Amino acid sequence: MFHFIQALAYLPMAIVYPTKIVGRKNLPKGKVIITLNHTSNLDAIVLLLNTYEKKYFLAKKELYVSKARSWFLKKMGAIKIDRSTADVGAIKEAFKVLKNNKKLVIFPEGTRNKNEDLSLQQVKHGAAMIEIKTKTPIVPLWIHNRPKAFRKTKLLVGKPYELDEFYGQKLTDEVLEKASEVIAEKLNEVKLQAEQLFGKKERRHGKTKV
């Protein structure tokens, strides 16, 4: 069903939200955690429709506003999460995805980034905790500009890495904070590469121009 929906939605989505992805070869086969900056509610959909393999992603419960949207999100690989609590059920589902050798998409900022230059917000501990417990490679991905109708969205896929220096350690807040700093550093590295590749954003007359 996923690939049927993907094929059906790809053309209209490509017309309205054209997308360019650079670095696809950096996505390894098998299980992987894809960490990316969060620019809009369309981020996951843009990624899923422009890469063939099905991926699973954590989606806030507020997005499930109707039966139709809930059905669509589920078929696209969404895992509903309640961000107001420690949603153990959603975390277990995420572990299950990786145990089944699938790909999991995580927005480590935890919420949409409203900064005009998309400078990375504080990285939450969830991505680090899941990676360390499952020993899964992480692929950092940077969305260079927010998806906007009839403007090309540009994404850069970085090289995979692991948080192996933290394996075997007790996951205290201090350890998770240090591991999350590594995730932030890797994302910022890809952000810099994206600016070099696609062009750095400039502020002109109070607006951000690419």
C-alpha atoms as a PDB file:
ATOM      1  CA  MET A   1       0.000   0.000   0.000  1.00  0.00           C
ATOM      2  CA  PHE A   2       2.865   2.398   0.787  1.00  0.00           C
ATOM      3  CA  HIS A   3       4.385   2.198  -2.690  1.00  0.00           C
ATOM      4  CA  PHE A   4       0.939   2.538  -4.291  1.00  0.00           C
ATOM      5  CA  ILE A   5       0.292   5.762  -2.352  1.00  0.00           C
ATOM      6  CA  GLN A   6       3.834   6.915  -3.070  1.00  0.00           C
ATOM      7  CA  ALA A   7       3.401   6.417  -6.826  1.00  0.00           C
ATOM      8  CA  LEU A   8      -0.014   8.085  -6.789  1.00  0.00           C
ATOM      9  CA  ALA A   9       1.131  11.138  -4.827  1.00  0.00           C
ATOM     10  CA  TYR A  10       4.583  11.593  -6.327  1.00  0.00           C
ATOM     11  CA  LEU A  11       3.674  13.476  -9.525  1.00  0.00           C
ATOM     12  CA  PRO A  12       1.336  16.092  -8.003  1.00  0.00           C
ATOM     13  CA  MET A  13       3.754  16.529  -5.093  1.00  0.00           C
ATOM     14  CA  ALA A  14       6.693  16.911  -7.500  1.00  0.00           C
ATOM     15  CA  ILE A  15       4.808  19.624  -9.368  1.00  0.00           C
ATOM     16  CA  VAL A  16       3.761  21.590  -6.303  1.00  0.00           C
ATOM     17  CA  TYR A  17       6.794  20.816  -4.116  1.00  0.00           C
ATOM     18  CA  PRO A  18       9.726  20.006  -6.447  1.00  0.00           C
ATOM     19  CA  THR A  19      12.589  18.440  -4.516  1.00  0.00           C
ATOM     20  CA  LYS A  20      16.312  17.896  -5.039  1.00  0.00           C
ATOM     21  CA  ILE A  21      18.149  15.360  -2.850  1.00  0.00           C
ATOM     22  CA  VAL A  22      21.945  15.186  -2.967  1.00  0.00           C
ATOM     23  CA  GLY A  23      23.946  12.355  -1.376  1.00  0.00           C
ATOM     24  CA  ARG A  24      21.488   9.463  -1.668  1.00  0.00           C
ATOM     25  CA  LYS A  25      24.441   7.045  -1.799  1.00  0.00           C
ATOM     26  CA  ASN A  26      25.090   7.840   1.876  1.00  0.00           C
ATOM     27  CA  LEU A  27      21.926   5.950   2.865  1.00  0.00           C
ATOM     28  CA  PRO A  28      23.083   2.399   3.688  1.00  0.00           C
ATOM     29  CA  LYS A  29      20.969  -0.704   3.254  1.00  0.00           C
ATOM     30  CA  GLY A  30      19.178  -2.114   6.269  1.00  0.00           C
ATOM     31  CA  LYS A  31      18.394  -0.382   9.528  1.00  0.00           C
ATOM     32  CA  VAL A  32      19.405   3.220   9.996  1.00  0.00           C
ATOM     33  CA  ILE A  33      18.271   6.269  11.948  1.00  0.00           C
ATOM     34  CA  ILE A  34      17.845   9.340   9.762  1.00  0.00           C
ATOM     35  CA  THR A  35      18.123  12.557  11.766  1.00  0.00           C
ATOM     36  CA  LEU A  36      17.013  15.768  10.094  1.00  0.00           C
ATOM     37  CA  ASN A  37      16.152  19.320  10.969  1.00  0.00           C
ATOM     38  CA  HIS A  38      12.443  20.071  11.308  1.00  0.00           C
ATOM     39  CA  THR A  39      11.274  22.941   9.092  1.00  0.00           C
ATOM     40  CA  SER A  40       7.576  22.142   8.531  1.00  0.00           C
ATOM     41  CA  ASN A  41       4.875  19.470   8.784  1.00  0.00           C
ATOM     42  CA  LEU A  42       5.747  18.477   5.201  1.00  0.00           C
ATOM     43  CA  ASP A  43       9.337  17.446   5.968  1.00  0.00           C
ATOM     44  CA  ALA A  44       8.694  13.722   6.400  1.00  0.00           C
ATOM     45  CA  ILE A  45       6.303  13.550   3.433  1.00  0.00           C
ATOM     46  CA  VAL A  46       8.818  15.274   1.136  1.00  0.00           C
ATOM     47  CA  LEU A  47      11.487  12.767   2.172  1.00  0.00           C
ATOM     48  CA  LEU A  48       9.209   9.706   1.911  1.00  0.00           C
ATOM     49  CA  LEU A  49       7.855  10.576  -1.529  1.00  0.00           C
ATOM     50  CA  ASN A  50      11.290  11.295  -2.968  1.00  0.00           C
ATOM     51  CA  THR A  51      13.097   8.172  -1.711  1.00  0.00           C
ATOM     52  CA  TYR A  52      11.773   4.772  -2.705  1.00  0.00           C
ATOM     53  CA  GLU A  53      12.258   2.629   0.393  1.00  0.00           C
ATOM     54  CA  LYS A  54       9.575   2.855   3.097  1.00  0.00           C
ATOM     55  CA  LYS A  55      10.680   4.676   6.214  1.00  0.00           C
ATOM     56  CA  TYR A  56       9.006   5.056   9.577  1.00  0.00           C
ATOM     57  CA  PHE A  57       8.809   8.323  11.466  1.00  0.00           C
ATOM     58  CA  LEU A  58       7.552   9.706  14.754  1.00  0.00           C
ATOM     59  CA  ALA A  59       4.543  11.998  14.243  1.00  0.00           C
ATOM     60  CA  LYS A  60       2.970  14.127  16.960  1.00  0.00           C
ATOM     61  CA  LYS A  61      -0.573  13.110  17.919  1.00  0.00           C
ATOM     62  CA  GLU A  62      -1.847  16.591  17.002  1.00  0.00           C
ATOM     63  CA  LEU A  63      -1.493  15.683  13.313  1.00  0.00           C
ATOM     64  CA  TYR A  64      -4.156  12.983  13.634  1.00  0.00           C
ATOM     65  CA  VAL A  65      -7.095  15.340  13.185  1.00  0.00           C
ATOM     66  CA  SER A  66      -9.318  13.071  11.087  1.00  0.00           C
ATOM     67  CA  LYS A  67      -9.790   9.417  10.166  1.00  0.00           C
ATOM     68  CA  ALA A  68      -8.575  10.089   6.633  1.00  0.00           C
ATOM     69  CA  ARG A  69      -5.374  11.773   7.768  1.00  0.00           C
ATOM     70  CA  SER A  70      -4.792   9.117  10.439  1.00  0.00           C
ATOM     71  CA  TRP A  71      -5.133   6.404   7.790  1.00  0.00           C
ATOM     72  CA  PHE A  72      -2.754   8.228   5.448  1.00  0.00           C
ATOM     73  CA  LEU A  73      -0.139   8.776   8.159  1.00  0.00           C
ATOM     74  CA  LYS A  74      -0.273   5.145   9.248  1.00  0.00           C
ATOM     75  CA  LYS A  75       0.160   3.867   5.687  1.00  0.00           C
ATOM     76  CA  MET A  76       3.089   6.251   5.164  1.00  0.00           C
ATOM     77  CA  GLY A  77       4.866   4.798   8.193  1.00  0.00           C
ATOM     78  CA  ALA A  78       3.962   7.249  10.961  1.00  0.00           C
ATOM     79  CA  ILE A  79       4.281   6.257  14.609  1.00  0.00           C
ATOM     80  CA  LYS A  80       1.972   8.413  16.720  1.00  0.00           C
ATOM     81  CA  ILE A  81       3.688   9.978  19.710  1.00  0.00           C
ATOM     82  CA  ASP A  82       2.348  12.043  22.595  1.00  0.00           C
ATOM     83  CA  ARG A  83       5.023  14.659  23.227  1.00  0.00           C
ATOM     84  CA  SER A  84       3.448  15.762  26.521  1.00  0.00           C
ATOM     85  CA  THR A  85       4.408  12.492  28.226  1.00  0.00           C
ATOM     86  CA  ALA A  86       7.116   9.849  28.120  1.00  0.00           C
ATOM     87  CA  ASP A  87       5.345   7.874  25.403  1.00  0.00           C
ATOM     88  CA  VAL A  88       6.754   4.402  26.064  1.00  0.00           C
ATOM     89  CA  GLY A  89       4.493   2.818  23.438  1.00  0.00           C
ATOM     90  CA  ALA A  90       5.882   5.021  20.659  1.00  0.00           C
ATOM     91  CA  ILE A  91       9.467   4.338  21.747  1.00  0.00           C
ATOM     92  CA  LYS A  92       8.801   0.589  21.706  1.00  0.00           C
ATOM     93  CA  GLU A  93       7.437   0.921  18.167  1.00  0.00           C
ATOM     94  CA  ALA A  94      10.597   2.768  17.147  1.00  0.00           C
ATOM     95  CA  PHE A  95      12.740  -0.031  18.601  1.00  0.00           C
ATOM     96  CA  LYS A  96      10.622  -2.580  16.730  1.00  0.00           C
ATOM     97  CA  VAL A  97      11.228  -0.775  13.415  1.00  0.00           C
ATOM     98  CA  LEU A  98      14.987  -1.010  13.870  1.00  0.00           C
ATOM     99  CA  LYS A  99      14.802  -4.604  15.127  1.00  0.00           C
ATOM    100  CA  ASN A 100      13.064  -5.436  11.838  1.00  0.00           C
ATOM    101  CA  ASN A 101      15.992  -3.896   9.923  1.00  0.00           C
ATOM    102  CA  LYS A 102      13.949  -0.898   8.718  1.00  0.00           C
ATOM    103  CA  LYS A 103      14.716   2.821   8.604  1.00  0.00           C
ATOM    104  CA  LEU A 104      13.552   5.274  11.271  1.00  0.00           C
ATOM    105  CA  VAL A 105      13.273   9.036  10.731  1.00  0.00           C
ATOM    106  CA  ILE A 106      13.719  11.243  13.810  1.00  0.00           C
ATOM    107  CA  PHE A 107      13.541  15.020  14.195  1.00  0.00           C
ATOM    108  CA  PRO A 108      16.003  15.461  17.093  1.00  0.00           C
ATOM    109  CA  GLU A 109      14.933  19.071  17.692  1.00  0.00           C
ATOM    110  CA  GLY A 110      11.572  17.671  18.777  1.00  0.00           C
ATOM    111  CA  THR A 111       9.543  20.510  17.281  1.00  0.00           C
ATOM    112  CA  ARG A 112       9.442  22.673  14.162  1.00  0.00           C
ATOM    113  CA  ASN A 113      12.259  25.173  13.758  1.00  0.00           C
ATOM    114  CA  LYS A 114      10.954  28.728  13.354  1.00  0.00           C
ATOM    115  CA  ASN A 115      14.368  30.385  13.032  1.00  0.00           C
ATOM    116  CA  GLU A 116      14.615  32.251   9.725  1.00  0.00           C
ATOM    117  CA  ASP A 117      18.080  30.844   9.016  1.00  0.00           C
ATOM    118  CA  LEU A 118      17.041  27.368  10.260  1.00  0.00           C
ATOM    119  CA  SER A 119      19.916  27.386  12.781  1.00  0.00           C
ATOM    120  CA  LEU A 120      19.656  24.174  14.751  1.00  0.00           C
ATOM    121  CA  GLN A 121      17.656  24.249  17.966  1.00  0.00           C
ATOM    122  CA  GLN A 122      18.586  22.231  21.053  1.00  0.00           C
ATOM    123  CA  VAL A 123      18.759  18.522  20.263  1.00  0.00           C
ATOM    124  CA  LYS A 124      16.636  16.341  22.556  1.00  0.00           C
ATOM    125  CA  HIS A 125      17.930  13.094  24.062  1.00  0.00           C
ATOM    126  CA  GLY A 126      15.548  10.691  22.285  1.00  0.00           C
ATOM    127  CA  ALA A 127      17.596  10.064  19.135  1.00  0.00           C
ATOM    128  CA  ALA A 128      20.778   9.424  21.126  1.00  0.00           C
ATOM    129  CA  MET A 129      19.027   7.042  23.498  1.00  0.00           C
ATOM    130  CA  ILE A 130      17.516   5.003  20.657  1.00  0.00           C
ATOM    131  CA  GLU A 131      20.805   4.869  18.723  1.00  0.00           C
ATOM    132  CA  ILE A 132      22.893   3.771  21.697  1.00  0.00           C
ATOM    133  CA  LYS A 133      20.421   1.093  22.794  1.00  0.00           C
ATOM    134  CA  THR A 134      20.069  -0.341  19.273  1.00  0.00           C
ATOM    135  CA  LYS A 135      23.608   0.381  17.971  1.00  0.00           C
ATOM    136  CA  THR A 136      22.148   1.699  14.732  1.00  0.00           C
ATOM    137  CA  PRO A 137      24.049   3.879  12.224  1.00  0.00           C
ATOM    138  CA  ILE A 138      22.828   7.475  12.066  1.00  0.00           C
ATOM    139  CA  VAL A 139      22.569   9.388   8.793  1.00  0.00           C
ATOM    140  CA  PRO A 140      22.347  13.189   9.217  1.00  0.00           C
ATOM    141  CA  LEU A 141      20.162  14.924   6.648  1.00  0.00           C
ATOM    142  CA  TRP A 142      19.731  18.677   6.238  1.00  0.00           C
ATOM    143  CA  ILE A 143      16.726  20.412   4.689  1.00  0.00           C
ATOM    144  CA  HIS A 144      18.251  23.559   3.226  1.00  0.00           C
ATOM    145  CA  ASN A 145      14.974  25.458   2.760  1.00  0.00           C
ATOM    146  CA  ARG A 146      11.446  24.971   4.035  1.00  0.00           C
ATOM    147  CA  PRO A 147       9.095  23.210   1.606  1.00  0.00           C
ATOM    148  CA  LYS A 148       7.160  25.944  -0.195  1.00  0.00           C
ATOM    149  CA  ALA A 149       4.721  25.604  -3.086  1.00  0.00           C
ATOM    150  CA  PHE A 150       6.383  25.857  -6.514  1.00  0.00           C
ATOM    151  CA  ARG A 151       9.868  26.351  -5.041  1.00  0.00           C
ATOM    152  CA  LYS A 152      12.475  23.586  -5.133  1.00  0.00           C
ATOM    153  CA  THR A 153      13.205  22.080  -1.734  1.00  0.00           C
ATOM    154  CA  LYS A 154      16.861  21.060  -1.398  1.00  0.00           C
ATOM    155  CA  LEU A 155      18.109  18.298   0.885  1.00  0.00           C
ATOM    156  CA  LEU A 156      21.624  17.032   1.565  1.00  0.00           C
ATOM    157  CA  VAL A 157      22.311  13.556   2.955  1.00  0.00           C
ATOM    158  CA  GLY A 158      25.449  13.272   5.088  1.00  0.00           C
ATOM    159  CA  LYS A 159      27.654  10.273   5.760  1.00  0.00           C
ATOM    160  CA  PRO A 160      26.588   7.667   8.347  1.00  0.00           C
ATOM    161  CA  TYR A 161      28.222   7.465  11.775  1.00  0.00           C
ATOM    162  CA  GLU A 162      27.644   5.762  15.133  1.00  0.00           C
ATOM    163  CA  LEU A 163      27.766   6.864  18.756  1.00  0.00           C
ATOM    164  CA  ASP A 164      30.003   3.912  19.574  1.00  0.00           C
ATOM    165  CA  GLU A 165      32.045   5.868  22.119  1.00  0.00           C
ATOM    166  CA  PHE A 166      28.966   5.742  24.363  1.00  0.00           C
ATOM    167  CA  TYR A 167      28.195   2.035  23.947  1.00  0.00           C
ATOM    168  CA  GLY A 168      28.208   0.126  27.242  1.00  0.00           C
ATOM    169  CA  GLN A 169      27.837   3.270  29.347  1.00  0.00           C
ATOM    170  CA  LYS A 170      24.981   3.894  31.734  1.00  0.00           C
ATOM    171  CA  LEU A 171      22.609   6.283  29.980  1.00  0.00           C
ATOM    172  CA  THR A 172      22.635   9.107  32.497  1.00  0.00           C
ATOM    173  CA  ASP A 173      21.470  12.601  31.576  1.00  0.00           C
ATOM    174  CA  GLU A 174      25.121  13.629  31.270  1.00  0.00           C
ATOM    175  CA  VAL A 175      25.948  10.811  28.834  1.00  0.00           C
ATOM    176  CA  LEU A 176      22.835  11.466  26.752  1.00  0.00           C
ATOM    177  CA  GLU A 177      23.628  15.182  26.678  1.00  0.00           C
ATOM    178  CA  LYS A 178      27.131  14.494  25.356  1.00  0.00           C
ATOM    179  CA  ALA A 179      25.787  12.030  22.776  1.00  0.00           C
ATOM    180  CA  SER A 180      23.144  14.564  21.696  1.00  0.00           C
ATOM    181  CA  GLU A 181      25.903  17.150  21.229  1.00  0.00           C
ATOM    182  CA  VAL A 182      27.547  14.781  18.740  1.00  0.00           C
ATOM    183  CA  ILE A 183      24.260  14.497  16.837  1.00  0.00           C
ATOM    184  CA  ALA A 184      23.999  18.299  16.771  1.00  0.00           C
ATOM    185  CA  GLU A 185      27.607  18.634  15.551  1.00  0.00           C
ATOM    186  CA  LYS A 186      27.003  16.161  12.706  1.00  0.00           C
ATOM    187  CA  LEU A 187      23.837  17.975  11.631  1.00  0.00           C
ATOM    188  CA  ASN A 188      25.602  21.333  11.707  1.00  0.00           C
ATOM    189  CA  GLU A 189      28.405  19.885   9.573  1.00  0.00           C
ATOM    190  CA  VAL A 190      25.866  18.853   6.935  1.00  0.00           C
ATOM    191  CA  LYS A 191      24.179  22.269   7.245  1.00  0.00           C
ATOM    192  CA  LEU A 192      27.503  23.939   6.407  1.00  0.00           C
ATOM    193  CA  GLN A 193      28.025  21.561   3.469  1.00  0.00           C
ATOM    194  CA  ALA A 194      24.502  22.343   2.228  1.00  0.00           C
ATOM    195  CA  GLU A 195      25.215  26.082   2.369  1.00  0.00           C
ATOM    196  CA  GLN A 196      28.402  25.558   0.377  1.00  0.00           C
ATOM    197  CA  LEU A 197      26.565  23.410  -2.160  1.00  0.00           C
ATOM    198  CA  PHE A 198      23.259  25.251  -2.500  1.00  0.00           C
ATOM    199  CA  GLY A 199      24.267  28.746  -1.449  1.00  0.00           C
ATOM    200  CA  LYS A 200      24.194  30.427   1.935  1.00  0.00           C
ATOM    201  CA  LYS A 201      21.030  32.240   2.985  1.00  0.00           C
ATOM    202  CA  GLU A 202      21.288  36.012   3.165  1.00  0.00           C
ATOM    203  CA  ARG A 203      19.102  38.445   5.063  1.00  0.00           C
ATOM    204  CA  ARG A 204      17.767  41.241   2.871  1.00  0.00           C
ATOM    205  CA  HIS A 205      15.142  43.801   3.908  1.00  0.00           C
ATOM    206  CA  GLY A 206      14.092  41.701   6.873  1.00  0.00           C
ATOM    207  CA  LYS A 207      13.602  38.528   4.821  1.00  0.00           C
ATOM    208  CA  THR A 208      15.766  35.475   4.267  1.00  0.00           C
ATOM    209  CA  LYS A 209      16.858  34.995   0.681  1.00  0.00           C
ATOM    210  CA  VAL A 210      18.448  31.870  -0.811  1.00  0.00           C
END
